[in-house]
Amino acid sequence: MEWDEFVDWMAYYRIHPFGEENLHAARALAMFYNANRGKGKPEMSAEDFTIEAKDKQENVGAKVLAAFGQIKSMADGKDHLNR
């Protein structure tokens, strides 16, 4: 990348910061997961669903799959709260 292009990207970033899109999706996923988690399941934060969390915590994928498993159980009419 040429210096001029780099400066252009820096200027663009000041006007339209990019890279936060993942955080918005992570907040929605955390809210949905926490509203539908099973009894005794730990609460999760938005950070648990971010791409950066992969470096901190290797089982984020398993948690996301578990959350979608709960969604599927709800769609199938099963008791998702384990009451």
N, C-alpha and C. Protein backbone atom coordinates (compact mmCIF):
# COMPACT_ATOMS: atom_id res chain seq x y z
N MET A 1 0.85 -1.16 0.00
CA MET A 1 0.00 0.00 0.00
C MET A 1 0.90 1.23 0.00
N GLU A 2 0.59 2.14 -0.84
CA GLU A 2 1.34 3.40 -0.93
C GLU A 2 0.98 4.30 0.26
N TRP A 3 1.87 5.19 0.60
CA TRP A 3 1.65 6.11 1.72
C TRP A 3 0.39 6.95 1.51
N ASP A 4 0.18 7.45 0.31
CA ASP A 4 -1.01 8.27 0.02
C ASP A 4 -2.30 7.50 0.29
N GLU A 5 -2.32 6.24 -0.12
CA GLU A 5 -3.51 5.42 0.12
C GLU A 5 -3.72 5.19 1.61
N PHE A 6 -2.63 4.96 2.34
CA PHE A 6 -2.71 4.78 3.78
C PHE A 6 -3.29 6.02 4.46
N VAL A 7 -2.84 7.19 4.05
CA VAL A 7 -3.35 8.44 4.61
C VAL A 7 -4.83 8.60 4.29
N ASP A 8 -5.22 8.22 3.09
CA ASP A 8 -6.65 8.27 2.72
C ASP A 8 -7.48 7.36 3.62
N TRP A 9 -6.98 6.16 3.90
CA TRP A 9 -7.71 5.24 4.77
C TRP A 9 -7.78 5.78 6.19
N MET A 10 -6.72 6.41 6.66
CA MET A 10 -6.75 7.01 8.00
C MET A 10 -7.81 8.10 8.07
N ALA A 11 -7.90 8.92 7.03
CA ALA A 11 -8.90 9.98 6.99
C ALA A 11 -10.31 9.38 6.95
N TYR A 12 -10.48 8.35 6.14
CA TYR A 12 -11.78 7.69 6.06
C TYR A 12 -12.18 7.11 7.42
N TYR A 13 -11.23 6.49 8.11
CA TYR A 13 -11.51 5.88 9.41
C TYR A 13 -11.95 6.93 10.43
N ARG A 14 -11.38 8.12 10.34
CA ARG A 14 -11.79 9.19 11.27
C ARG A 14 -13.25 9.57 11.06
N ILE A 15 -13.71 9.53 9.83
CA ILE A 15 -15.09 9.90 9.51
C ILE A 15 -16.04 8.72 9.73
N HIS A 16 -15.62 7.53 9.29
CA HIS A 16 -16.45 6.32 9.37
C HIS A 16 -15.63 5.18 9.97
N PRO A 17 -15.52 5.14 11.30
CA PRO A 17 -14.74 4.05 11.90
C PRO A 17 -15.32 2.69 11.54
N PHE A 18 -14.47 1.77 11.22
CA PHE A 18 -14.91 0.43 10.88
C PHE A 18 -14.29 -0.55 11.85
N GLY A 19 -14.87 -1.75 11.91
CA GLY A 19 -14.37 -2.78 12.80
C GLY A 19 -15.26 -3.04 14.00
N GLU A 20 -16.29 -2.21 14.22
CA GLU A 20 -17.18 -2.40 15.36
C GLU A 20 -18.41 -3.23 14.99
N GLU A 21 -18.54 -3.62 13.74
CA GLU A 21 -19.73 -4.34 13.31
C GLU A 21 -19.90 -5.64 14.08
N ASN A 22 -18.80 -6.30 14.37
CA ASN A 22 -18.85 -7.56 15.10
C ASN A 22 -19.43 -7.37 16.50
N LEU A 23 -19.14 -6.25 17.13
CA LEU A 23 -19.62 -6.01 18.49
C LEU A 23 -21.15 -5.88 18.52
N HIS A 24 -21.73 -5.27 17.51
CA HIS A 24 -23.18 -5.14 17.46
C HIS A 24 -23.84 -6.52 17.36
N ALA A 25 -23.32 -7.36 16.51
CA ALA A 25 -23.86 -8.72 16.38
C ALA A 25 -23.64 -9.51 17.67
N ALA A 26 -22.49 -9.33 18.29
CA ALA A 26 -22.19 -10.04 19.53
C ALA A 26 -23.15 -9.64 20.64
N ARG A 27 -23.50 -8.38 20.72
CA ARG A 27 -24.47 -7.93 21.73
C ARG A 27 -25.83 -8.59 21.52
N ALA A 28 -26.26 -8.67 20.26
CA ALA A 28 -27.54 -9.30 19.96
C ALA A 28 -27.51 -10.79 20.30
N LEU A 29 -26.42 -11.46 19.96
CA LEU A 29 -26.30 -12.88 20.27
C LEU A 29 -26.30 -13.13 21.78
N ALA A 30 -25.57 -12.30 22.52
CA ALA A 30 -25.52 -12.45 23.97
C ALA A 30 -26.91 -12.23 24.59
N MET A 31 -27.61 -11.23 24.11
CA MET A 31 -28.95 -10.95 24.63
C MET A 31 -29.88 -12.13 24.36
N PHE A 32 -29.84 -12.65 23.14
CA PHE A 32 -30.70 -13.76 22.78
C PHE A 32 -30.33 -15.02 23.57
N TYR A 33 -29.03 -15.29 23.68
CA TYR A 33 -28.58 -16.46 24.43
C TYR A 33 -29.03 -16.37 25.89
N ASN A 34 -28.79 -15.23 26.52
CA ASN A 34 -29.12 -15.07 27.94
C ASN A 34 -30.61 -15.16 28.19
N ALA A 35 -31.42 -14.69 27.25
CA ALA A 35 -32.87 -14.76 27.41
C ALA A 35 -33.39 -16.19 27.28
N ASN A 36 -32.62 -17.05 26.61
CA ASN A 36 -33.09 -18.41 26.33
C ASN A 36 -32.19 -19.50 26.90
N ARG A 37 -31.25 -19.15 27.76
CA ARG A 37 -30.33 -20.16 28.28
C ARG A 37 -31.06 -21.07 29.26
N GLY A 38 -30.55 -22.24 29.39
CA GLY A 38 -31.16 -23.21 30.28
C GLY A 38 -30.89 -22.91 31.74
N LYS A 39 -31.69 -23.51 32.59
CA LYS A 39 -31.54 -23.32 34.03
C LYS A 39 -30.16 -23.81 34.45
N GLY A 40 -29.46 -22.98 35.22
CA GLY A 40 -28.13 -23.34 35.68
C GLY A 40 -27.01 -23.05 34.69
N LYS A 41 -27.35 -22.58 33.51
CA LYS A 41 -26.33 -22.24 32.51
C LYS A 41 -25.76 -20.87 32.84
N PRO A 42 -24.46 -20.68 32.63
CA PRO A 42 -23.86 -19.38 32.96
C PRO A 42 -24.29 -18.28 31.97
N GLU A 43 -24.35 -17.07 32.47
CA GLU A 43 -24.65 -15.92 31.63
C GLU A 43 -23.44 -15.64 30.76
N MET A 44 -23.67 -15.18 29.54
CA MET A 44 -22.58 -14.85 28.63
C MET A 44 -22.66 -13.37 28.28
N SER A 45 -21.51 -12.77 28.04
CA SER A 45 -21.45 -11.36 27.67
C SER A 45 -21.22 -11.24 26.17
N ALA A 46 -21.36 -10.04 25.66
CA ALA A 46 -21.11 -9.80 24.24
C ALA A 46 -19.69 -10.20 23.86
N GLU A 47 -18.76 -9.98 24.78
CA GLU A 47 -17.36 -10.31 24.49
C GLU A 47 -17.17 -11.81 24.25
N ASP A 48 -18.06 -12.63 24.82
CA ASP A 48 -17.97 -14.07 24.61
C ASP A 48 -18.29 -14.46 23.17
N PHE A 49 -18.98 -13.59 22.45
CA PHE A 49 -19.39 -13.89 21.09
C PHE A 49 -18.56 -13.14 20.04
N THR A 50 -17.56 -12.41 20.46
CA THR A 50 -16.75 -11.67 19.49
C THR A 50 -15.67 -12.55 18.90
N ILE A 51 -15.19 -12.14 17.76
CA ILE A 51 -14.11 -12.87 17.10
C ILE A 51 -12.86 -12.85 17.98
N GLU A 52 -12.62 -11.75 18.67
CA GLU A 52 -11.46 -11.63 19.53
C GLU A 52 -11.50 -12.63 20.68
N ALA A 53 -12.70 -13.02 21.08
CA ALA A 53 -12.84 -13.97 22.18
C ALA A 53 -12.23 -15.32 21.82
N LYS A 54 -12.12 -15.60 20.53
CA LYS A 54 -11.53 -16.86 20.08
C LYS A 54 -10.12 -17.01 20.62
N ASP A 55 -9.39 -15.90 20.68
CA ASP A 55 -8.03 -15.95 21.20
C ASP A 55 -8.04 -16.18 22.71
N LYS A 56 -9.04 -15.65 23.40
CA LYS A 56 -9.11 -15.75 24.86
C LYS A 56 -9.73 -17.06 25.30
N GLN A 57 -10.63 -17.58 24.51
CA GLN A 57 -11.45 -18.70 24.94
C GLN A 57 -11.72 -19.60 23.75
N GLU A 58 -11.22 -20.80 23.78
CA GLU A 58 -11.28 -21.66 22.60
C GLU A 58 -12.64 -22.27 22.36
N ASN A 59 -13.51 -22.31 23.35
CA ASN A 59 -14.79 -22.99 23.17
C ASN A 59 -15.96 -22.06 22.84
N VAL A 60 -15.69 -20.90 22.29
CA VAL A 60 -16.77 -19.98 21.91
C VAL A 60 -17.65 -20.64 20.86
N GLY A 61 -17.04 -21.34 19.92
CA GLY A 61 -17.82 -22.02 18.88
C GLY A 61 -18.79 -23.01 19.48
N ALA A 62 -18.36 -23.74 20.49
CA ALA A 62 -19.23 -24.71 21.15
C ALA A 62 -20.39 -24.01 21.84
N LYS A 63 -20.13 -22.85 22.44
CA LYS A 63 -21.19 -22.10 23.11
C LYS A 63 -22.20 -21.57 22.10
N VAL A 64 -21.71 -21.10 20.97
CA VAL A 64 -22.61 -20.60 19.93
C VAL A 64 -23.47 -21.75 19.41
N LEU A 65 -22.84 -22.91 19.17
CA LEU A 65 -23.61 -24.07 18.71
C LEU A 65 -24.64 -24.49 19.75
N ALA A 66 -24.28 -24.41 21.02
CA ALA A 66 -25.23 -24.74 22.08
C ALA A 66 -26.41 -23.77 22.07
N ALA A 67 -26.11 -22.50 21.86
CA ALA A 67 -27.17 -21.50 21.80
C ALA A 67 -28.11 -21.79 20.64
N PHE A 68 -27.54 -22.13 19.47
CA PHE A 68 -28.39 -22.45 18.33
C PHE A 68 -29.12 -23.77 18.55
N GLY A 69 -28.54 -24.67 19.31
CA GLY A 69 -29.23 -25.90 19.67
C GLY A 69 -30.47 -25.60 20.50
N GLN A 70 -30.34 -24.63 21.40
CA GLN A 70 -31.50 -24.22 22.20
C GLN A 70 -32.57 -23.60 21.31
N ILE A 71 -32.14 -22.82 20.34
CA ILE A 71 -33.10 -22.21 19.41
C ILE A 71 -33.85 -23.31 18.65
N LYS A 72 -33.11 -24.33 18.21
CA LYS A 72 -33.74 -25.44 17.49
C LYS A 72 -34.72 -26.17 18.40
N SER A 73 -34.34 -26.37 19.66
CA SER A 73 -35.24 -27.03 20.60
C SER A 73 -36.52 -26.22 20.77
N MET A 74 -36.40 -24.91 20.82
CA MET A 74 -37.58 -24.05 20.94
C MET A 74 -38.47 -24.23 19.71
N ALA A 75 -37.84 -24.27 18.54
CA ALA A 75 -38.60 -24.41 17.30
C ALA A 75 -39.28 -25.78 17.23
N ASP A 76 -38.64 -26.78 17.83
CA ASP A 76 -39.21 -28.13 17.83
C ASP A 76 -40.25 -28.32 18.92
N GLY A 77 -40.46 -27.28 19.75
CA GLY A 77 -41.47 -27.34 20.80
C GLY A 77 -40.98 -27.96 22.10
N LYS A 78 -39.68 -28.14 22.25
CA LYS A 78 -39.15 -28.70 23.50
C LYS A 78 -38.99 -27.60 24.53
N ASP A 79 -38.98 -27.98 25.79
CA ASP A 79 -38.81 -27.02 26.88
C ASP A 79 -37.35 -26.57 26.92
N HIS A 80 -37.09 -25.37 26.50
CA HIS A 80 -35.72 -24.88 26.40
C HIS A 80 -35.17 -24.38 27.72
N LEU A 81 -36.01 -24.21 28.73
CA LEU A 81 -35.52 -23.72 30.01
C LEU A 81 -35.23 -24.84 30.99
N ASN A 82 -35.44 -26.07 30.58
CA ASN A 82 -35.16 -27.25 31.41
C ASN A 82 -35.86 -27.17 32.77
N ARG A 83 -37.12 -26.78 32.77
CA ARG A 83 -37.89 -26.67 34.04
C ARG A 83 -38.57 -27.97 34.35
